[in-house]
Amino acid sequence: PTLGHLWVIEQSAELFERLIVAIGTNPQKHCMFSVEQRLEMLIKSTAHLKSVLIDSYPNRYLIKYAQSVDAGFIIRGIRSEKDYKDERDFGDFNSKIDQNITTIFLIPPQGIADVSSSRVKELIGPEGWEDIMKMYVPGPVLEKLKEVHCGK
């Protein structure tokens, strides 16, 4: 998770009494960390948010997971016009399955919205990368990145 993800989570926690942050699996993406490791990082990164529950839904559609937890809303972060188009398509797909679950889009502020988890992976390695990374990921994520990259 990036600071952009954390911003979306924090804003969403302000909007709702209870928030479930759920990790899905995308077979087209190669993740640096396992679902279990991502759950751990999210739990640590959101420990200050008492109304947030972290969960996962491997091998399921998000809309089906949302139905299983009686969600009324799905919140998605938007970084760019391309994200908007992709997320709008997902929202349309979801509404065909369940019109009672509304998709809400949140746009993180400039500076944290411009970095994807893919970009974070690209920034690892050169001298001083840890200092650069502080601008883009929560502390628990930076620690896990150091552990994997540097063996610390």
C-alpha atoms as a PDB file:
ATOM      1  CA  PRO A   1       0.000   0.000   0.000  1.00  0.00           C
ATOM      2  CA  THR A   2       1.104   3.532  -0.844  1.00  0.00           C
ATOM      3  CA  LEU A   3       0.352   6.805   0.924  1.00  0.00           C
ATOM      4  CA  GLY A   4      -2.325   7.291  -1.740  1.00  0.00           C
ATOM      5  CA  HIS A   5      -4.012   4.071  -0.600  1.00  0.00           C
ATOM      6  CA  LEU A   6      -3.717   5.189   3.014  1.00  0.00           C
ATOM      7  CA  TRP A   7      -5.243   8.576   2.179  1.00  0.00           C
ATOM      8  CA  VAL A   8      -8.263   6.876   0.562  1.00  0.00           C
ATOM      9  CA  ILE A   9      -8.635   4.625   3.622  1.00  0.00           C
ATOM     10  CA  GLU A  10      -8.417   7.541   6.069  1.00  0.00           C
ATOM     11  CA  GLN A  11     -10.940   9.626   4.116  1.00  0.00           C
ATOM     12  CA  SER A  12     -13.285   6.659   3.852  1.00  0.00           C
ATOM     13  CA  ALA A  13     -13.020   6.012   7.590  1.00  0.00           C
ATOM     14  CA  GLU A  14     -14.231   9.596   8.091  1.00  0.00           C
ATOM     15  CA  LEU A  15     -17.255   8.931   5.880  1.00  0.00           C
ATOM     16  CA  PHE A  16     -18.379   5.616   7.367  1.00  0.00           C
ATOM     17  CA  GLU A  17     -18.770   4.221  10.885  1.00  0.00           C
ATOM     18  CA  ARG A  18     -17.270   0.896   9.776  1.00  0.00           C
ATOM     19  CA  LEU A  19     -14.865   0.372   6.897  1.00  0.00           C
ATOM     20  CA  ILE A  20     -13.617  -2.899   5.470  1.00  0.00           C
ATOM     21  CA  VAL A  21     -10.435  -2.646   3.431  1.00  0.00           C
ATOM     22  CA  ALA A  22     -10.205  -5.829   1.388  1.00  0.00           C
ATOM     23  CA  ILE A  23      -7.348  -7.142  -0.717  1.00  0.00           C
ATOM     24  CA  GLY A  24      -8.289  -8.963  -3.885  1.00  0.00           C
ATOM     25  CA  THR A  25      -6.073 -10.935  -6.192  1.00  0.00           C
ATOM     26  CA  ASN A  26      -5.486  -9.966  -9.790  1.00  0.00           C
ATOM     27  CA  PRO A  27      -3.950 -12.799 -11.819  1.00  0.00           C
ATOM     28  CA  GLN A  28      -2.612 -10.240 -14.326  1.00  0.00           C
ATOM     29  CA  LYS A  29      -0.517  -8.435 -11.688  1.00  0.00           C
ATOM     30  CA  HIS A  30       2.727  -9.747 -10.249  1.00  0.00           C
ATOM     31  CA  CYS A  31       2.790  -8.722  -6.600  1.00  0.00           C
ATOM     32  CA  MET A  32       6.009  -8.267  -4.668  1.00  0.00           C
ATOM     33  CA  PHE A  33       4.309  -9.471  -1.474  1.00  0.00           C
ATOM     34  CA  SER A  34       1.913 -12.291  -0.645  1.00  0.00           C
ATOM     35  CA  VAL A  35      -1.653 -11.532   0.406  1.00  0.00           C
ATOM     36  CA  GLU A  36      -0.656 -12.348   3.991  1.00  0.00           C
ATOM     37  CA  GLN A  37       2.233  -9.858   3.880  1.00  0.00           C
ATOM     38  CA  ARG A  38      -0.005  -7.178   2.369  1.00  0.00           C
ATOM     39  CA  LEU A  39      -2.617  -7.824   5.067  1.00  0.00           C
ATOM     40  CA  GLU A  40       0.080  -7.397   7.734  1.00  0.00           C
ATOM     41  CA  MET A  41       1.300  -4.112   6.223  1.00  0.00           C
ATOM     42  CA  LEU A  42      -2.242  -2.761   5.948  1.00  0.00           C
ATOM     43  CA  ILE A  43      -3.098  -3.753   9.512  1.00  0.00           C
ATOM     44  CA  LYS A  44       0.012  -1.949  10.806  1.00  0.00           C
ATOM     45  CA  SER A  45      -0.534   1.078   8.537  1.00  0.00           C
ATOM     46  CA  THR A  46      -4.157   1.509   9.670  1.00  0.00           C
ATOM     47  CA  ALA A  47      -3.724   0.689  13.370  1.00  0.00           C
ATOM     48  CA  HIS A  48      -4.649   4.295  14.225  1.00  0.00           C
ATOM     49  CA  LEU A  49      -8.070   3.841  12.576  1.00  0.00           C
ATOM     50  CA  LYS A  50     -10.223   1.928  15.054  1.00  0.00           C
ATOM     51  CA  SER A  51     -13.222   1.527  12.713  1.00  0.00           C
ATOM     52  CA  VAL A  52     -11.187  -0.184   9.969  1.00  0.00           C
ATOM     53  CA  LEU A  53     -11.168  -3.929   9.403  1.00  0.00           C
ATOM     54  CA  ILE A  54      -8.630  -5.465   7.015  1.00  0.00           C
ATOM     55  CA  ASP A  55      -9.653  -8.563   5.043  1.00  0.00           C
ATOM     56  CA  SER A  56      -9.002 -10.368   1.752  1.00  0.00           C
ATOM     57  CA  TYR A  57     -11.112 -12.001  -0.915  1.00  0.00           C
ATOM     58  CA  PRO A  58      -8.908 -14.266  -3.042  1.00  0.00           C
ATOM     59  CA  ASN A  59     -10.376 -15.691  -6.239  1.00  0.00           C
ATOM     60  CA  ARG A  60     -13.637 -13.719  -6.004  1.00  0.00           C
ATOM     61  CA  TYR A  61     -15.164 -10.723  -7.677  1.00  0.00           C
ATOM     62  CA  LEU A  62     -15.135  -7.617  -5.497  1.00  0.00           C
ATOM     63  CA  ILE A  63     -18.892  -7.211  -5.903  1.00  0.00           C
ATOM     64  CA  LYS A  64     -19.484 -10.750  -4.625  1.00  0.00           C
ATOM     65  CA  TYR A  65     -17.263 -10.037  -1.617  1.00  0.00           C
ATOM     66  CA  ALA A  66     -19.146  -6.771  -1.001  1.00  0.00           C
ATOM     67  CA  GLN A  67     -22.433  -8.683  -1.043  1.00  0.00           C
ATOM     68  CA  SER A  68     -21.058 -11.243   1.428  1.00  0.00           C
ATOM     69  CA  VAL A  69     -20.284  -8.520   3.997  1.00  0.00           C
ATOM     70  CA  ASP A  70     -23.509  -6.557   3.356  1.00  0.00           C
ATOM     71  CA  ALA A  71     -21.637  -3.531   2.015  1.00  0.00           C
ATOM     72  CA  GLY A  72     -23.637  -0.666   0.607  1.00  0.00           C
ATOM     73  CA  PHE A  73     -20.664   1.020  -1.028  1.00  0.00           C
ATOM     74  CA  ILE A  74     -17.403   0.243  -2.782  1.00  0.00           C
ATOM     75  CA  ILE A  75     -14.785   2.973  -2.585  1.00  0.00           C
ATOM     76  CA  ARG A  76     -12.094   3.269  -5.239  1.00  0.00           C
ATOM     77  CA  GLY A  77      -9.182   5.675  -5.528  1.00  0.00           C
ATOM     78  CA  ILE A  78      -8.628   7.492  -8.815  1.00  0.00           C
ATOM     79  CA  ARG A  79      -5.169   8.773  -9.821  1.00  0.00           C
ATOM     80  CA  SER A  80      -5.666   9.624 -13.487  1.00  0.00           C
ATOM     81  CA  GLU A  81      -8.083   9.761 -16.397  1.00  0.00           C
ATOM     82  CA  LYS A  82      -7.133   6.186 -17.270  1.00  0.00           C
ATOM     83  CA  ASP A  83      -7.917   5.074 -13.706  1.00  0.00           C
ATOM     84  CA  TYR A  84     -11.281   6.827 -13.960  1.00  0.00           C
ATOM     85  CA  LYS A  85     -12.172   5.005 -17.169  1.00  0.00           C
ATOM     86  CA  ASP A  86     -11.062   1.628 -15.796  1.00  0.00           C
ATOM     87  CA  GLU A  87     -12.829   2.138 -12.476  1.00  0.00           C
ATOM     88  CA  ARG A  88     -15.970   3.399 -14.204  1.00  0.00           C
ATOM     89  CA  ASP A  89     -16.023   0.178 -16.260  1.00  0.00           C
ATOM     90  CA  PHE A  90     -15.620  -1.885 -13.068  1.00  0.00           C
ATOM     91  CA  GLY A  91     -18.384   0.140 -11.418  1.00  0.00           C
ATOM     92  CA  ASP A  92     -20.699  -0.493 -14.371  1.00  0.00           C
ATOM     93  CA  PHE A  93     -19.898  -4.219 -14.219  1.00  0.00           C
ATOM     94  CA  ASN A  94     -20.603  -4.279 -10.479  1.00  0.00           C
ATOM     95  CA  SER A  95     -23.919  -2.437 -10.848  1.00  0.00           C
ATOM     96  CA  LYS A  96     -25.099  -5.038 -13.367  1.00  0.00           C
ATOM     97  CA  ILE A  97     -24.640  -7.650 -10.645  1.00  0.00           C
ATOM     98  CA  ASP A  98     -25.978  -5.595  -7.722  1.00  0.00           C
ATOM     99  CA  GLN A  99     -27.607  -2.182  -8.174  1.00  0.00           C
ATOM    100  CA  ASN A 100     -27.836  -1.731  -4.401  1.00  0.00           C
ATOM    101  CA  ILE A 101     -24.068  -1.341  -3.999  1.00  0.00           C
ATOM    102  CA  THR A 102     -22.825   2.095  -5.047  1.00  0.00           C
ATOM    103  CA  THR A 103     -19.270   2.803  -6.191  1.00  0.00           C
ATOM    104  CA  ILE A 104     -17.694   5.989  -4.833  1.00  0.00           C
ATOM    105  CA  PHE A 105     -14.526   7.496  -6.316  1.00  0.00           C
ATOM    106  CA  LEU A 106     -12.018   9.445  -4.218  1.00  0.00           C
ATOM    107  CA  ILE A 107      -9.158  11.429  -5.727  1.00  0.00           C
ATOM    108  CA  PRO A 108      -6.023  11.708  -3.553  1.00  0.00           C
ATOM    109  CA  PRO A 109      -4.174  15.032  -3.517  1.00  0.00           C
ATOM    110  CA  GLN A 110      -1.381  15.705  -5.963  1.00  0.00           C
ATOM    111  CA  GLY A 111       1.935  14.419  -4.699  1.00  0.00           C
ATOM    112  CA  ILE A 112       0.592  11.136  -3.375  1.00  0.00           C
ATOM    113  CA  ALA A 113      -1.780  10.366  -6.212  1.00  0.00           C
ATOM    114  CA  ASP A 114       0.974  10.184  -8.787  1.00  0.00           C
ATOM    115  CA  VAL A 115       2.684   7.033  -7.489  1.00  0.00           C
ATOM    116  CA  SER A 116       1.346   3.547  -8.078  1.00  0.00           C
ATOM    117  CA  SER A 117       2.554   0.405  -6.350  1.00  0.00           C
ATOM    118  CA  SER A 118       4.216  -0.490  -9.669  1.00  0.00           C
ATOM    119  CA  ARG A 119       6.153   2.788  -9.600  1.00  0.00           C
ATOM    120  CA  VAL A 120       7.185   2.123  -6.001  1.00  0.00           C
ATOM    121  CA  LYS A 121       8.800  -1.145  -7.134  1.00  0.00           C
ATOM    122  CA  GLU A 122      10.714   0.766  -9.824  1.00  0.00           C
ATOM    123  CA  LEU A 123      12.128   3.219  -7.260  1.00  0.00           C
ATOM    124  CA  ILE A 124      13.774   0.535  -5.101  1.00  0.00           C
ATOM    125  CA  GLY A 125      17.513   0.045  -5.384  1.00  0.00           C
ATOM    126  CA  PRO A 126      19.503   3.171  -6.203  1.00  0.00           C
ATOM    127  CA  GLU A 127      21.456   4.809  -3.404  1.00  0.00           C
ATOM    128  CA  GLY A 128      19.111   6.740  -1.117  1.00  0.00           C
ATOM    129  CA  TRP A 129      15.958   4.931  -2.262  1.00  0.00           C
ATOM    130  CA  GLU A 130      14.782   4.552   1.344  1.00  0.00           C
ATOM    131  CA  ASP A 131      14.603   8.341   1.789  1.00  0.00           C
ATOM    132  CA  ILE A 132      12.703   8.767  -1.485  1.00  0.00           C
ATOM    133  CA  MET A 133      10.322   5.953  -0.543  1.00  0.00           C
ATOM    134  CA  LYS A 134       9.281   7.755   2.678  1.00  0.00           C
ATOM    135  CA  MET A 135       7.396  10.203   0.457  1.00  0.00           C
ATOM    136  CA  TYR A 136       5.265   7.433  -1.045  1.00  0.00           C
ATOM    137  CA  VAL A 137       4.633   4.583   1.411  1.00  0.00           C
ATOM    138  CA  PRO A 138       3.609   4.240   5.077  1.00  0.00           C
ATOM    139  CA  GLY A 139       6.304   3.302   7.616  1.00  0.00           C
ATOM    140  CA  PRO A 140       5.321  -0.387   7.910  1.00  0.00           C
ATOM    141  CA  VAL A 141       5.571  -0.753   4.141  1.00  0.00           C
ATOM    142  CA  LEU A 142       9.000   0.896   4.041  1.00  0.00           C
ATOM    143  CA  GLU A 143      10.203  -1.475   6.749  1.00  0.00           C
ATOM    144  CA  LYS A 144       8.969  -4.499   4.766  1.00  0.00           C
ATOM    145  CA  LEU A 145      10.610  -3.158   1.586  1.00  0.00           C
ATOM    146  CA  LYS A 146      13.920  -2.737   3.426  1.00  0.00           C
ATOM    147  CA  GLU A 147      13.594  -6.243   4.846  1.00  0.00           C
ATOM    148  CA  VAL A 148      13.057  -7.755   1.393  1.00  0.00           C
ATOM    149  CA  HIS A 149      15.545  -5.605  -0.503  1.00  0.00           C
ATOM    150  CA  CYS A 150      18.305  -5.215   2.059  1.00  0.00           C
ATOM    151  CA  GLY A 151      17.740  -8.197   4.313  1.00  0.00           C
ATOM    152  CA  LYS A 152      17.223  -5.849   7.297  1.00  0.00           C
END
